[in-house]
Amino acid sequence: MSTNLIKGSSTSPWAPLHHKVFRMLWIASIVSNIGSWMHEVGAGWLMTSLAPSPLMVALVQAATTAPVFLLALPAGALADIVDRRRYLIASQVWMMITAATLGALTLSGMTTATILLIFTFALGIGTAMMMPAWGAITPELVQRSELQAAIGLNTIGMNVSRSVGPALAGLIVAAAGPGMVFILNAISFLAVIAALKRWQRPPTESELPAERVFGAIRAGLRYARHSPELRAVLTRGASFFVFASASWALLPLIVRQELNSGPGTYGLFLACLGIGAIAGALLLPRVRTRVSRDTIVAGATGLYSIAMLALAHSGNVYAAGAAMLLTGVAWISVVSSLMTAAQTALPSWVRARGLALFWVVFMGGMAAGSALWGQIASWVGIPYALTVAAVGALVGIAATWQYRIGQHDVADLSPSIYWPTPMMADDLEIDRGPVMVTVEYRIDPARADEFAKIMHQQMRRIRRRDGAFMWELFNDIDDPDHMVECFMVESWFEHLRQHERATVADREVIEKTRAFHLGSALPKVTHLVAGRR
């Protein structure tokens, strides 16, 4: 790859590779993902020998994906309250030990169906713990303008791994058995561990102790509830994944029943899907400079729907293969755009928790959609099920168009210490609470309605999103110029966290509200702590 291409503008799909740490981790992740795809093939093949029933073979896949759905939120909370680099190293070591142990047991002939499921579930736990943290470090490795390209490159790496891993696994299983596949998967984790060890991540500075896990989970859910930007991404994602899952769920049946073909065709279709995804990832950064992210998601969803209709009614292997190419292009365009919008909607302190919610929507939508379209196909047939799914995806775009994601990356969510930390009395316990904070303004009555609108639409969201469980704006009936903002948080400790969570975008809102305040002095701020019991 030429140096000029890598050092090109941020719209180049290769621009993130100019950053050494990103390049190291990207290459290492491809190696590790190849090992993971090899493991999946080896585990499925081994189960056909240990317990050759459809249920047991299906449970292997369930053991891989269920932990991601179940543990994403705790994993996101942990990734936000501990050092992400060390956290990722720990998750990689866990998966390496698990894979190596399973490999040793298999090579010694001690693996049973139950043992295989237990160790596959343990590997799934490692994946679940890793995913939010891995996504959260991407903005730390590249420039903000390169984020879309970086996510696209990560997806390219995943598709390359998905193409190479199963093919290698088939050869190795045939030559040396599944046990050797598990051992090689364990070795592949060393690549990521080595790359993470070389990354000198700057420590996160905070004068406060780390959040507790359950409190961090609550804070993440509260942020999502009061963040229209993140809710928009989750809503748009849910409306797409439920319908898009039809192609993934029904593809094996399409090959076998509709096209009367075999596993070779199925493998070819997956290859077409991967090629289309890679092509889409390479094109996406340049397309993003010309159209909005909302337009990309809408257009790609339309393309995905067309591909589903072609897949349902073509009756021809070549036409279906072309449809899979389009499916790959559309899939990566939607998923990459949604992921980028999620990244740019989240400040660093809650990024992994927000991405964990995205993964819950992704996995939940795909799982629920797969079951739904499988059942509908059993009732009305595969072509009609895909047709309904295609129409549903288009309806979903229309129904969720009000949830705009195109301008999320305009707001600057980097930390901003604009809000002076209040002095604490020497005898005040840090966990005392609840705490009431009041901010007193002097407002020209002629501008009171304008001020109140900004306070209710923007300031209220900021306070509630960052920790307040109550917020209100009061008018003094005896003094029309006097207005008081009041909000409450659980403890003094949680209020101090509000100060740390402030962003540059929040400062802009604060400055906008202070512009209404009459006089040269700042609005008066009062802190009231609940009395002793």
Protein backbone atom coordinates (compact mmCIF):
# COMPACT_ATOMS: atom_id res chain seq x y z
CA MET A 1 0.00 0.00 0.00
CA SER A 2 1.50 3.34 -0.96
CA THR A 3 2.39 5.89 1.71
CA ASN A 4 0.58 8.62 -0.19
CA LEU A 5 -2.64 6.68 -0.07
CA ILE A 6 -2.39 6.19 3.66
CA LYS A 7 -1.44 9.83 4.27
CA GLY A 8 -4.22 11.16 2.11
CA SER A 9 -7.17 13.12 3.21
CA SER A 10 -9.43 11.93 5.97
CA THR A 11 -11.95 10.89 3.30
CA SER A 12 -9.59 8.17 2.13
CA PRO A 13 -10.74 4.75 3.36
CA TRP A 14 -7.11 4.00 4.28
CA ALA A 15 -6.45 7.22 6.24
CA PRO A 16 -6.74 5.64 9.73
CA LEU A 17 -3.89 3.26 8.91
CA HIS A 18 -1.54 6.25 9.11
CA HIS A 19 -1.89 5.98 12.90
CA LYS A 20 0.57 3.38 14.20
CA VAL A 21 -1.49 2.09 17.12
CA PHE A 22 -4.65 1.74 15.05
CA ARG A 23 -2.67 -0.08 12.35
CA MET A 24 -1.17 -2.50 14.88
CA LEU A 25 -4.50 -3.27 16.51
CA TRP A 26 -6.27 -3.58 13.15
CA ILE A 27 -3.80 -6.18 11.88
CA ALA A 28 -3.82 -8.01 15.22
CA SER A 29 -7.63 -8.09 15.28
CA ILE A 30 -7.71 -9.67 11.82
CA VAL A 31 -5.39 -12.43 13.04
CA SER A 32 -7.47 -12.96 16.17
CA ASN A 33 -10.78 -12.90 14.29
CA ILE A 34 -9.49 -15.52 11.85
CA GLY A 35 -8.82 -17.70 14.89
CA SER A 36 -12.32 -17.03 16.24
CA TRP A 37 -13.99 -18.00 12.95
CA MET A 38 -11.82 -21.11 12.85
CA HIS A 39 -12.99 -21.99 16.35
CA GLU A 40 -16.64 -21.58 15.38
CA VAL A 41 -16.26 -24.02 12.49
CA GLY A 42 -14.25 -26.46 14.61
CA ALA A 43 -16.78 -26.37 17.46
CA GLY A 44 -19.71 -26.93 15.13
CA TRP A 45 -17.96 -29.83 13.41
CA LEU A 46 -16.91 -31.41 16.71
CA MET A 47 -20.47 -31.27 18.02
CA THR A 48 -21.69 -33.18 14.95
CA SER A 49 -19.44 -36.01 16.15
CA LEU A 50 -20.18 -35.78 19.87
CA ALA A 51 -23.96 -35.24 19.68
CA PRO A 52 -25.20 -35.12 16.07
CA SER A 53 -28.63 -33.66 16.76
CA PRO A 54 -29.83 -30.36 15.25
CA LEU A 55 -30.56 -29.01 18.74
CA MET A 56 -27.05 -29.60 20.05
CA VAL A 57 -25.43 -28.15 16.94
CA ALA A 58 -27.68 -25.08 17.24
CA LEU A 59 -26.74 -24.73 20.92
CA VAL A 60 -23.11 -24.17 19.90
CA GLN A 61 -24.13 -20.98 18.10
CA ALA A 62 -26.40 -20.01 20.99
CA ALA A 63 -23.54 -20.47 23.47
CA THR A 64 -21.43 -18.12 21.35
CA THR A 65 -23.95 -15.28 20.98
CA ALA A 66 -26.04 -15.44 24.18
CA PRO A 67 -23.34 -13.92 26.43
CA VAL A 68 -23.08 -10.88 24.15
CA PHE A 69 -26.77 -10.16 24.62
CA LEU A 70 -26.78 -10.94 28.36
CA LEU A 71 -23.54 -9.28 29.46
CA ALA A 72 -23.16 -6.28 27.14
CA LEU A 73 -24.36 -3.71 29.69
CA PRO A 74 -22.14 -4.86 32.59
CA ALA A 75 -19.26 -5.13 30.12
CA GLY A 76 -19.83 -1.58 28.92
CA ALA A 77 -19.96 -0.31 32.50
CA LEU A 78 -16.68 -2.02 33.39
CA ALA A 79 -15.01 -0.69 30.24
CA ASP A 80 -15.96 2.86 31.27
CA ILE A 81 -14.80 2.68 34.89
CA VAL A 82 -11.48 0.82 34.52
CA ASP A 83 -8.50 1.33 32.23
CA ARG A 84 -9.71 0.09 28.84
CA ARG A 85 -6.29 -1.10 27.71
CA ARG A 86 -5.78 -3.33 30.74
CA TYR A 87 -9.40 -4.46 30.57
CA LEU A 88 -8.96 -5.56 26.95
CA ILE A 89 -5.73 -7.39 27.78
CA ALA A 90 -7.53 -9.25 30.59
CA SER A 91 -10.38 -10.28 28.27
CA GLN A 92 -7.91 -11.53 25.66
CA VAL A 93 -5.99 -13.54 28.26
CA TRP A 94 -9.28 -15.07 29.45
CA MET A 95 -10.19 -16.17 25.94
CA MET A 96 -6.69 -17.45 25.22
CA ILE A 97 -6.67 -19.65 28.34
CA THR A 98 -10.20 -20.89 27.61
CA ALA A 99 -9.39 -21.82 24.00
CA ALA A 100 -6.10 -23.45 24.97
CA THR A 101 -7.76 -25.54 27.69
CA LEU A 102 -10.49 -26.69 25.30
CA GLY A 103 -7.85 -27.54 22.72
CA ALA A 104 -5.86 -29.61 25.22
CA LEU A 105 -8.98 -31.46 26.37
CA THR A 106 -10.00 -32.17 22.79
CA LEU A 107 -6.58 -33.40 21.72
CA SER A 108 -6.56 -35.73 24.74
CA GLY A 109 -10.02 -37.07 23.86
CA MET A 110 -11.69 -35.77 27.04
CA THR A 111 -14.11 -33.27 25.47
CA THR A 112 -17.81 -34.13 25.72
CA ALA A 113 -20.78 -32.26 24.29
CA THR A 114 -21.39 -30.60 27.66
CA ILE A 115 -17.74 -29.57 28.03
CA LEU A 116 -17.75 -28.13 24.51
CA LEU A 117 -20.82 -26.02 25.27
CA ILE A 118 -19.37 -24.80 28.58
CA PHE A 119 -16.09 -23.69 27.03
CA THR A 120 -17.83 -22.15 24.01
CA PHE A 121 -20.04 -20.18 26.42
CA ALA A 122 -16.90 -19.11 28.32
CA LEU A 123 -15.38 -17.83 25.08
CA GLY A 124 -18.64 -16.00 24.39
CA ILE A 125 -18.30 -14.31 27.79
CA GLY A 126 -14.87 -13.06 26.76
CA THR A 127 -16.27 -11.73 23.49
CA ALA A 128 -19.14 -10.03 25.32
CA MET A 129 -16.76 -8.35 27.74
CA MET A 130 -14.44 -7.23 24.95
CA MET A 131 -16.83 -5.77 22.35
CA PRO A 132 -17.94 -2.51 24.05
CA ALA A 133 -14.38 -1.68 25.11
CA TRP A 134 -12.97 -2.45 21.67
CA GLY A 135 -15.45 -0.12 20.03
CA ALA A 136 -14.86 2.57 22.65
CA ILE A 137 -11.11 2.83 21.99
CA THR A 138 -11.49 3.55 18.27
CA PRO A 139 -12.05 7.34 18.72
CA GLU A 140 -8.90 7.41 20.87
CA LEU A 141 -6.79 6.02 18.01
CA VAL A 142 -7.85 8.17 15.03
CA GLN A 143 -8.93 11.72 14.27
CA ARG A 144 -12.61 12.54 14.56
CA SER A 145 -12.91 13.06 10.78
CA GLU A 146 -11.45 9.58 10.21
CA LEU A 147 -13.88 7.73 12.46
CA GLN A 148 -16.18 6.55 9.66
CA ALA A 149 -13.20 5.20 7.72
CA ALA A 150 -11.81 3.50 10.84
CA ILE A 151 -15.10 1.72 11.50
CA GLY A 152 -15.21 0.73 7.83
CA LEU A 153 -11.70 -0.72 8.07
CA ASN A 154 -12.68 -2.68 11.17
CA THR A 155 -15.57 -4.13 9.21
CA ILE A 156 -13.30 -4.96 6.29
CA GLY A 157 -11.06 -6.83 8.71
CA MET A 158 -14.05 -8.74 10.05
CA ASN A 159 -15.15 -9.75 6.55
CA VAL A 160 -11.63 -10.78 5.56
CA SER A 161 -11.48 -12.91 8.70
CA ARG A 162 -14.87 -14.43 7.97
CA SER A 163 -13.70 -15.38 4.48
CA VAL A 164 -10.32 -16.81 5.50
CA GLY A 165 -11.09 -18.40 8.90
CA PRO A 166 -13.70 -21.03 7.90
CA ALA A 167 -11.65 -22.10 4.86
CA LEU A 168 -8.52 -22.59 6.99
CA ALA A 169 -10.53 -24.37 9.65
CA GLY A 170 -11.88 -26.86 7.11
CA LEU A 171 -8.35 -27.77 6.01
CA ILE A 172 -7.01 -28.02 9.57
CA VAL A 173 -9.94 -30.07 10.87
CA ALA A 174 -9.48 -32.48 7.99
CA ALA A 175 -5.73 -32.77 8.61
CA ALA A 176 -5.40 -32.60 12.41
CA GLY A 177 -8.86 -32.46 13.97
CA PRO A 178 -10.82 -29.76 15.85
CA GLY A 179 -8.42 -29.76 18.81
CA MET A 180 -5.67 -28.19 16.72
CA VAL A 181 -8.10 -25.48 15.57
CA PHE A 182 -8.78 -24.57 19.20
CA ILE A 183 -5.04 -24.41 19.95
CA LEU A 184 -4.42 -22.12 16.97
CA ASN A 185 -7.30 -19.91 18.09
CA ALA A 186 -5.62 -19.58 21.50
CA ILE A 187 -2.35 -18.60 19.83
CA SER A 188 -4.14 -15.96 17.71
CA PHE A 189 -5.06 -13.98 20.83
CA LEU A 190 -1.37 -13.33 21.42
CA ALA A 191 -1.37 -10.93 18.46
CA VAL A 192 -3.91 -8.63 20.12
CA ILE A 193 -2.26 -8.93 23.54
CA ALA A 194 1.10 -7.93 22.06
CA ALA A 195 -0.42 -4.95 20.21
CA LEU A 196 -2.24 -3.76 23.34
CA LYS A 197 0.96 -4.09 25.38
CA ARG A 198 2.73 -1.74 22.95
CA TRP A 199 -0.04 0.86 23.16
CA GLN A 200 0.95 3.55 25.66
CA ARG A 201 -2.54 4.80 26.50
CA PRO A 202 -2.60 8.07 28.47
CA PRO A 203 -4.18 7.52 31.91
CA THR A 204 -7.62 8.99 32.54
CA GLU A 205 -7.32 11.80 35.08
CA SER A 206 -9.95 12.04 37.80
CA GLU A 207 -9.88 13.16 41.40
CA LEU A 208 -12.88 10.95 42.19
CA PRO A 209 -12.89 7.21 42.88
CA ALA A 210 -14.13 4.92 40.10
CA GLU A 211 -17.86 4.33 39.78
CA ARG A 212 -19.33 1.11 41.06
CA VAL A 213 -20.61 -1.33 38.46
CA PHE A 214 -24.33 -1.14 39.24
CA GLY A 215 -24.20 2.62 39.59
CA ALA A 216 -22.35 2.83 36.28
CA ILE A 217 -25.02 0.72 34.59
CA ARG A 218 -27.74 3.02 35.94
CA ALA A 219 -25.79 6.07 34.77
CA GLY A 220 -25.47 4.57 31.28
CA LEU A 221 -29.19 3.81 31.04
CA ARG A 222 -30.00 7.29 32.34
CA TYR A 223 -27.73 8.85 29.73
CA ALA A 224 -29.43 6.89 26.95
CA ARG A 225 -32.87 7.89 28.23
CA HIS A 226 -32.01 11.59 28.15
CA SER A 227 -29.82 11.62 25.02
CA PRO A 228 -31.96 12.15 21.89
CA GLU A 229 -28.89 11.51 19.73
CA LEU A 230 -28.25 8.03 21.14
CA ARG A 231 -31.96 7.16 21.21
CA ALA A 232 -32.15 8.07 17.53
CA VAL A 233 -29.34 5.64 16.68
CA LEU A 234 -30.91 2.83 18.72
CA THR A 235 -34.34 3.43 17.19
CA ARG A 236 -33.01 3.49 13.63
CA GLY A 237 -30.94 0.40 14.36
CA ALA A 238 -33.86 -1.58 15.75
CA SER A 239 -36.04 -0.71 12.74
CA PHE A 240 -33.34 -2.01 10.40
CA PHE A 241 -31.94 -5.10 12.13
CA VAL A 242 -35.29 -6.78 12.76
CA PHE A 243 -36.12 -6.75 9.02
CA ALA A 244 -32.55 -7.18 7.72
CA SER A 245 -32.18 -10.39 9.73
CA ALA A 246 -34.48 -12.16 7.26
CA SER A 247 -31.73 -12.55 4.64
CA TRP A 248 -29.25 -13.94 7.16
CA ALA A 249 -31.74 -16.33 8.76
CA LEU A 250 -33.24 -17.72 5.56
CA LEU A 251 -30.13 -17.85 3.34
CA PRO A 252 -29.35 -21.56 3.98
CA LEU A 253 -32.96 -22.48 3.15
CA ILE A 254 -32.90 -20.30 0.04
CA VAL A 255 -29.86 -22.19 -1.24
CA ARG A 256 -31.26 -25.62 -0.44
CA GLN A 257 -34.99 -25.24 -1.16
CA GLU A 258 -35.39 -22.34 -3.59
CA LEU A 259 -32.24 -22.83 -5.67
CA ASN A 260 -31.86 -26.61 -5.17
CA SER A 261 -28.15 -26.16 -4.57
CA GLY A 262 -25.59 -27.26 -2.00
CA PRO A 263 -22.98 -26.03 0.48
CA GLY A 264 -20.67 -24.83 -2.30
CA THR A 265 -23.27 -22.30 -3.39
CA TYR A 266 -23.86 -21.28 0.21
CA GLY A 267 -20.14 -20.60 0.65
CA LEU A 268 -20.10 -18.65 -2.63
CA PHE A 269 -22.97 -16.47 -1.43
CA LEU A 270 -21.16 -15.71 1.83
CA ALA A 271 -18.08 -14.78 -0.20
CA CYS A 272 -20.22 -12.45 -2.34
CA LEU A 273 -21.58 -10.89 0.83
CA GLY A 274 -18.06 -10.29 2.13
CA ILE A 275 -16.85 -8.82 -1.17
CA GLY A 276 -19.81 -6.48 -1.27
CA ALA A 277 -19.17 -5.38 2.32
CA ILE A 278 -15.52 -4.65 1.57
CA ALA A 279 -16.46 -2.65 -1.54
CA GLY A 280 -19.04 -0.70 0.46
CA ALA A 281 -16.54 0.08 3.22
CA LEU A 282 -14.05 1.43 0.69
CA LEU A 283 -16.65 3.66 -0.96
CA LEU A 284 -18.38 4.91 2.17
CA PRO A 285 -15.91 7.63 3.34
CA ARG A 286 -16.13 9.43 -0.01
CA VAL A 287 -19.92 9.06 -0.20
CA ARG A 288 -20.16 10.57 3.29
CA THR A 289 -18.58 13.80 2.01
CA ARG A 290 -21.41 14.24 -0.49
CA VAL A 291 -24.57 13.13 1.32
CA SER A 292 -25.77 13.04 4.93
CA ARG A 293 -25.63 9.99 7.13
CA ASP A 294 -29.44 9.86 7.17
CA THR A 295 -29.48 9.70 3.36
CA ILE A 296 -26.89 6.92 3.38
CA VAL A 297 -28.94 4.83 5.82
CA ALA A 298 -32.15 5.41 3.87
CA GLY A 299 -30.55 4.69 0.49
CA ALA A 300 -28.70 1.62 1.76
CA THR A 301 -31.88 0.29 3.37
CA GLY A 302 -33.65 0.69 0.03
CA LEU A 303 -30.81 -1.17 -1.68
CA TYR A 304 -31.00 -3.91 0.96
CA SER A 305 -34.73 -4.26 0.33
CA ILE A 306 -34.16 -4.57 -3.43
CA ALA A 307 -31.53 -7.23 -2.76
CA MET A 308 -33.96 -9.17 -0.54
CA LEU A 309 -36.60 -9.07 -3.25
CA ALA A 310 -34.07 -10.28 -5.85
CA LEU A 311 -32.95 -13.04 -3.51
CA ALA A 312 -36.54 -14.10 -2.95
CA HIS A 313 -37.75 -14.17 -6.55
CA SER A 314 -34.71 -14.64 -8.79
CA GLY A 315 -34.72 -18.46 -8.87
CA ASN A 316 -31.24 -18.23 -10.37
CA VAL A 317 -27.88 -18.77 -8.68
CA TYR A 318 -26.14 -15.98 -10.60
CA ALA A 319 -28.87 -13.43 -9.93
CA ALA A 320 -28.96 -14.46 -6.27
CA GLY A 321 -25.17 -14.07 -6.10
CA ALA A 322 -25.47 -10.53 -7.48
CA ALA A 323 -28.14 -9.87 -4.87
CA MET A 324 -25.73 -10.98 -2.15
CA LEU A 325 -23.14 -8.52 -3.46
CA LEU A 326 -25.69 -5.72 -3.11
CA THR A 327 -26.64 -7.04 0.33
CA GLY A 328 -23.01 -6.72 1.44
CA VAL A 329 -22.73 -3.14 0.16
CA ALA A 330 -25.99 -2.11 1.83
CA TRP A 331 -25.28 -3.94 5.08
CA ILE A 332 -21.91 -2.30 5.69
CA SER A 333 -23.30 1.12 4.71
CA VAL A 334 -26.08 0.95 7.30
CA VAL A 335 -24.13 -0.71 10.10
CA SER A 336 -21.06 1.52 9.69
CA SER A 337 -23.19 4.69 9.55
CA LEU A 338 -25.15 3.72 12.67
CA MET A 339 -22.00 2.76 14.56
CA THR A 340 -20.29 6.03 13.64
CA ALA A 341 -23.37 7.99 14.73
CA ALA A 342 -23.36 6.11 18.05
CA GLN A 343 -19.66 6.85 18.57
CA THR A 344 -20.06 10.56 17.91
CA ALA A 345 -23.16 10.78 20.14
CA LEU A 346 -21.23 9.57 23.19
CA PRO A 347 -18.66 11.36 25.36
CA SER A 348 -15.72 9.31 26.56
CA TRP A 349 -17.03 8.73 30.11
CA VAL A 350 -20.08 6.76 28.88
CA ARG A 351 -18.94 5.60 25.44
CA ALA A 352 -18.59 1.88 26.17
CA ARG A 353 -21.98 1.79 27.92
CA GLY A 354 -23.67 3.48 24.97
CA LEU A 355 -22.01 1.10 22.52
CA ALA A 356 -23.10 -1.81 24.70
CA LEU A 357 -26.71 -0.67 24.24
CA PHE A 358 -26.09 -0.59 20.50
CA TRP A 359 -24.85 -4.19 20.63
CA VAL A 360 -27.92 -5.21 22.65
CA VAL A 361 -30.17 -3.69 19.97
CA PHE A 362 -28.08 -5.32 17.24
CA MET A 363 -28.01 -8.81 18.75
CA GLY A 364 -31.56 -8.62 20.03
CA GLY A 365 -32.91 -7.38 16.70
CA MET A 366 -31.07 -10.06 14.74
CA ALA A 367 -32.11 -12.85 17.13
CA ALA A 368 -35.75 -11.79 17.37
CA GLY A 369 -35.94 -11.12 13.64
CA SER A 370 -34.44 -14.49 12.76
CA ALA A 371 -37.06 -16.29 14.86
CA LEU A 372 -39.84 -14.11 13.43
CA TRP A 373 -38.94 -14.57 9.76
CA GLY A 374 -38.29 -18.26 10.22
CA GLN A 375 -41.79 -18.68 11.60
CA ILE A 376 -43.36 -16.53 8.88
CA ALA A 377 -41.49 -18.50 6.20
CA SER A 378 -42.90 -21.73 7.61
CA TRP A 379 -46.40 -20.27 7.24
CA VAL A 380 -46.31 -18.54 3.85
CA GLY A 381 -43.03 -19.65 2.25
CA ILE A 382 -39.58 -18.12 1.92
CA PRO A 383 -40.25 -15.72 -1.03
CA TYR A 384 -43.24 -14.14 0.69
CA ALA A 385 -41.40 -13.84 4.01
CA LEU A 386 -38.52 -12.01 2.34
CA THR A 387 -40.95 -9.79 0.46
CA VAL A 388 -42.68 -8.79 3.70
CA ALA A 389 -39.29 -8.13 5.31
CA ALA A 390 -38.21 -5.96 2.37
CA VAL A 391 -41.37 -3.88 2.55
CA GLY A 392 -41.06 -3.69 6.34
CA ALA A 393 -37.52 -2.28 6.08
CA LEU A 394 -38.78 0.51 3.83
CA VAL A 395 -41.69 1.24 6.15
CA GLY A 396 -39.19 1.34 9.03
CA ILE A 397 -37.25 4.13 7.31
CA ALA A 398 -40.40 6.19 6.87
CA ALA A 399 -41.58 5.50 10.42
CA THR A 400 -38.25 6.47 12.02
CA TRP A 401 -37.22 9.33 9.71
CA GLN A 402 -37.87 11.87 12.48
CA TYR A 403 -34.96 10.32 14.43
CA ARG A 404 -32.13 12.07 12.62
CA ILE A 405 -28.54 10.84 13.00
CA GLY A 406 -26.87 12.86 10.27
CA GLN A 407 -25.48 15.71 12.37
CA HIS A 408 -24.36 13.90 15.51
CA ASP A 409 -20.69 14.60 14.87
CA VAL A 410 -21.26 18.38 14.94
CA ALA A 411 -21.40 18.55 18.74
CA ASP A 412 -18.03 18.61 20.53
CA LEU A 413 -18.28 16.07 23.36
CA SER A 414 -14.71 16.42 24.58
CA PRO A 415 -14.38 17.24 28.32
CA SER A 416 -14.65 20.89 29.35
CA ILE A 417 -13.99 22.13 32.86
CA TYR A 418 -16.20 25.21 32.57
CA TRP A 419 -18.21 24.46 35.73
CA PRO A 420 -16.13 25.28 38.85
CA THR A 421 -16.09 22.41 41.32
CA PRO A 422 -17.81 23.56 44.54
CA MET A 423 -15.86 23.63 47.77
CA MET A 424 -16.83 20.94 50.23
CA ALA A 425 -17.03 21.45 53.97
CA ASP A 426 -14.45 19.46 55.88
CA ASP A 427 -17.05 17.45 57.79
CA LEU A 428 -19.25 16.64 54.75
CA GLU A 429 -19.28 12.95 53.86
CA ILE A 430 -18.86 12.50 50.12
CA ASP A 431 -21.82 10.10 49.93
CA ARG A 432 -24.25 12.46 51.74
CA GLY A 433 -27.41 13.14 49.83
CA PRO A 434 -29.62 13.85 48.13
CA VAL A 435 -28.23 17.19 46.97
CA MET A 436 -30.33 20.09 45.68
CA VAL A 437 -28.65 22.63 43.42
CA THR A 438 -30.30 25.95 42.61
CA VAL A 439 -29.17 28.48 40.00
CA GLU A 440 -30.77 31.92 40.24
CA TYR A 441 -31.16 34.08 37.12
CA ARG A 442 -32.32 37.64 36.52
CA ILE A 443 -34.21 37.56 33.22
CA ASP A 444 -35.89 40.32 31.24
CA PRO A 445 -39.61 39.37 31.37
CA ALA A 446 -39.88 40.15 27.65
CA ARG A 447 -37.37 37.32 26.97
CA ALA A 448 -38.62 34.92 29.66
CA ASP A 449 -40.42 32.61 27.21
CA GLU A 450 -37.34 32.33 25.00
CA PHE A 451 -35.15 31.61 28.03
CA ALA A 452 -37.59 29.00 29.38
CA LYS A 453 -37.68 27.22 26.02
CA ILE A 454 -33.89 26.81 25.94
CA MET A 455 -33.83 25.71 29.56
CA HIS A 456 -36.55 23.07 29.11
CA GLN A 457 -35.30 21.73 25.77
CA GLN A 458 -31.55 21.79 26.36
CA MET A 459 -30.50 22.48 29.94
CA ARG A 460 -32.98 20.03 31.42
CA ARG A 461 -31.63 17.30 29.15
CA ILE A 462 -28.03 18.02 30.17
CA ARG A 463 -28.77 17.94 33.89
CA ARG A 464 -30.90 14.77 33.73
CA ARG A 465 -28.50 13.02 31.35
CA ASP A 466 -25.48 13.62 33.60
CA GLY A 467 -27.02 12.60 36.93
CA ALA A 468 -30.05 14.63 38.09
CA PHE A 469 -33.18 12.68 39.02
CA MET A 470 -35.27 15.86 39.23
CA TRP A 471 -35.15 19.14 37.33
CA GLU A 472 -37.50 22.14 37.25
CA LEU A 473 -37.52 25.84 36.36
CA PHE A 474 -39.39 28.12 38.76
CA ASN A 475 -40.74 31.66 38.42
CA ASP A 476 -40.85 34.05 41.38
CA ILE A 477 -44.45 35.33 41.45
CA ASP A 478 -43.38 38.38 43.50
CA ASP A 479 -40.40 39.25 41.29
CA PRO A 480 -40.96 38.65 37.52
CA ASP A 481 -37.24 39.09 36.80
CA HIS A 482 -36.29 36.25 39.16
CA MET A 483 -36.17 32.68 37.80
CA VAL A 484 -34.64 29.69 39.57
CA GLU A 485 -33.34 26.48 38.05
CA CYS A 486 -33.48 23.60 40.52
CA PHE A 487 -32.21 20.04 40.15
CA MET A 488 -31.43 17.17 42.51
CA VAL A 489 -28.86 14.37 42.45
CA GLU A 490 -28.49 11.30 44.64
CA SER A 491 -25.39 12.40 46.56
CA TRP A 492 -22.62 14.97 46.82
CA PHE A 493 -20.36 12.39 45.20
CA GLU A 494 -22.71 12.13 42.19
CA HIS A 495 -22.87 15.93 41.88
CA LEU A 496 -19.07 16.09 41.69
CA ARG A 497 -19.30 13.57 38.84
CA GLN A 498 -21.64 15.97 37.03
CA HIS A 499 -18.81 18.49 36.97
CA GLU A 500 -16.41 15.93 35.47
CA ARG A 501 -18.93 14.86 32.83
CA ALA A 502 -19.36 18.35 31.36
CA THR A 503 -18.48 18.72 27.66
CA VAL A 504 -17.66 21.56 25.29
CA ALA A 505 -21.15 21.26 23.80
CA ASP A 506 -22.64 21.62 27.29
CA ARG A 507 -20.56 24.76 27.86
CA GLU A 508 -22.06 26.28 24.72
CA VAL A 509 -25.57 25.73 26.13
CA ILE A 510 -24.52 27.19 29.49
CA GLU A 511 -23.13 30.28 27.78
CA LYS A 512 -26.33 30.62 25.76
CA THR A 513 -28.46 30.61 28.93
CA ARG A 514 -26.13 32.99 30.77
CA ALA A 515 -26.49 35.48 27.91
CA PHE A 516 -30.07 36.03 29.14
CA HIS A 517 -28.89 36.84 32.67
CA LEU A 518 -29.05 40.54 33.58
CA GLY A 519 -26.10 42.20 35.26
CA SER A 520 -22.38 41.59 35.29
CA ALA A 521 -22.33 38.97 38.07
CA LEU A 522 -22.81 35.30 37.30
CA PRO A 523 -26.06 33.56 38.31
CA LYS A 524 -26.02 32.61 42.00
CA VAL A 525 -25.50 28.88 42.62
CA THR A 526 -26.53 27.26 45.91
CA HIS A 527 -25.85 23.69 47.06
CA LEU A 528 -28.16 22.16 49.65
CA VAL A 529 -27.41 18.75 51.17
CA ALA A 530 -29.98 16.65 53.01
CA GLY A 531 -29.62 16.89 56.78
CA ARG A 532 -28.35 14.11 58.98
CA ARG A 533 -30.87 11.47 60.05
